[in-house]
Amino acid sequence: MGLVALAIVASAGVGVAADLRFRERAEAASRRVMDFMVWVLMPPIIFLIAARTDLGGGVGAGILLGYLELATVGLLAYLLGTRVLRLPRPSVGTLIVVVILANTGYLGIPLNAALLGRDAIAPAIAWDTAVSNVVLYTAAFAVGASFGTTAGETPRERAKAFLTRNPVLFAVVAGLLAPDALAPDALVDAAEVVSFALLPLGFFILGVNLMHERDDGSLTFPPPLTAPVATALALRLLAAPALLVAFSALLVDVPDAYVVQAAMASGINSLIVSHLYGLDLRLAASTIAWGTAIVVVAALAASPLV
């Protein structure tokens, strides 16, 4: 867990330093990196991993509760963003995205191992695969296409934007339909290794965007804790796990790892969705930064020997 925290801080720090030194070139580089991740790196990685993923009955009924929990917090984000905070449409979309997307892979899996032991790794991976990744490439991209400023004006244009800017969705479908022979062990192992390289790339992008989205050019960290950011943090870190625990108490017990995954900070992929569809990058970056800092500090305090 300590190494993960160090990688996060170092990668974000490089992004901050790059933006301070190079400004427009750093911001252009971060956009190119996001495009490279979406269009080049992620499709083959997800195809190989999906091709070797078993989503049978062993995943458990708790996965369905995960979808119910995320649908509930997403609806709450929409209602609070429109009725209480009265945010502009792109900011409402971002509020929904940062609430339904959690960092259950790079942060959640090692955190489960640190807090609950190695037995928690398998259910943590099941949640990341069957809940987080599915929600990212379906619901989150759909929200981006529905609320973004660059996705078109008509429902048909927005539907087209959802499909044409979402190459990983097709990789997921192709991977689930592909035979194991198309995903040999060596390539799957390589894909998993490369996928971990996305962690520093993602937090580099976060560092650049934290600086790029400043109002006055001054160096301020942590970013301002605005009402939308506080709302997003409350829904992501408190309401989401509380809802899962409540649903579990009413319906079926879920593994402790599922609850930990439900409490993860907003995922870096929120920035990618915001970038692709023209959502509120400032709100996304600030929520990710605050949430990641809170979760990492809490994890280090809970597992001081890791």
Foldseek 3Di string as FASTA:
>chain_A
DVVLVVLLVVLLVLLQVCCVVPPPVSLVVLLVLLVCCQPPQQLVLLLLVLLPDDPDCVLDPLLVLLVVLLVVLLVVLLCCCCPPVNHALLQSLLLSQLQNAFPLDSPLQVLCCLQPNPVLNVNSVSNCVSRRVVCLLPVSLLSLLVRFPAQDDDPVSSVVLSVVSRSNVVSNVNSNPDHNVVNDPVNNVVSVVVVNVVSSSLSSSLSNLLQNPDDPNDDDPPDDCDPSLVSSLCSQQPSSLVSSVVVCVVPNPDDPSVSSSSRGGGDSCSCSSCSSRHHDNNSNSNRRRVRNVVVVVVSCVSRVPD
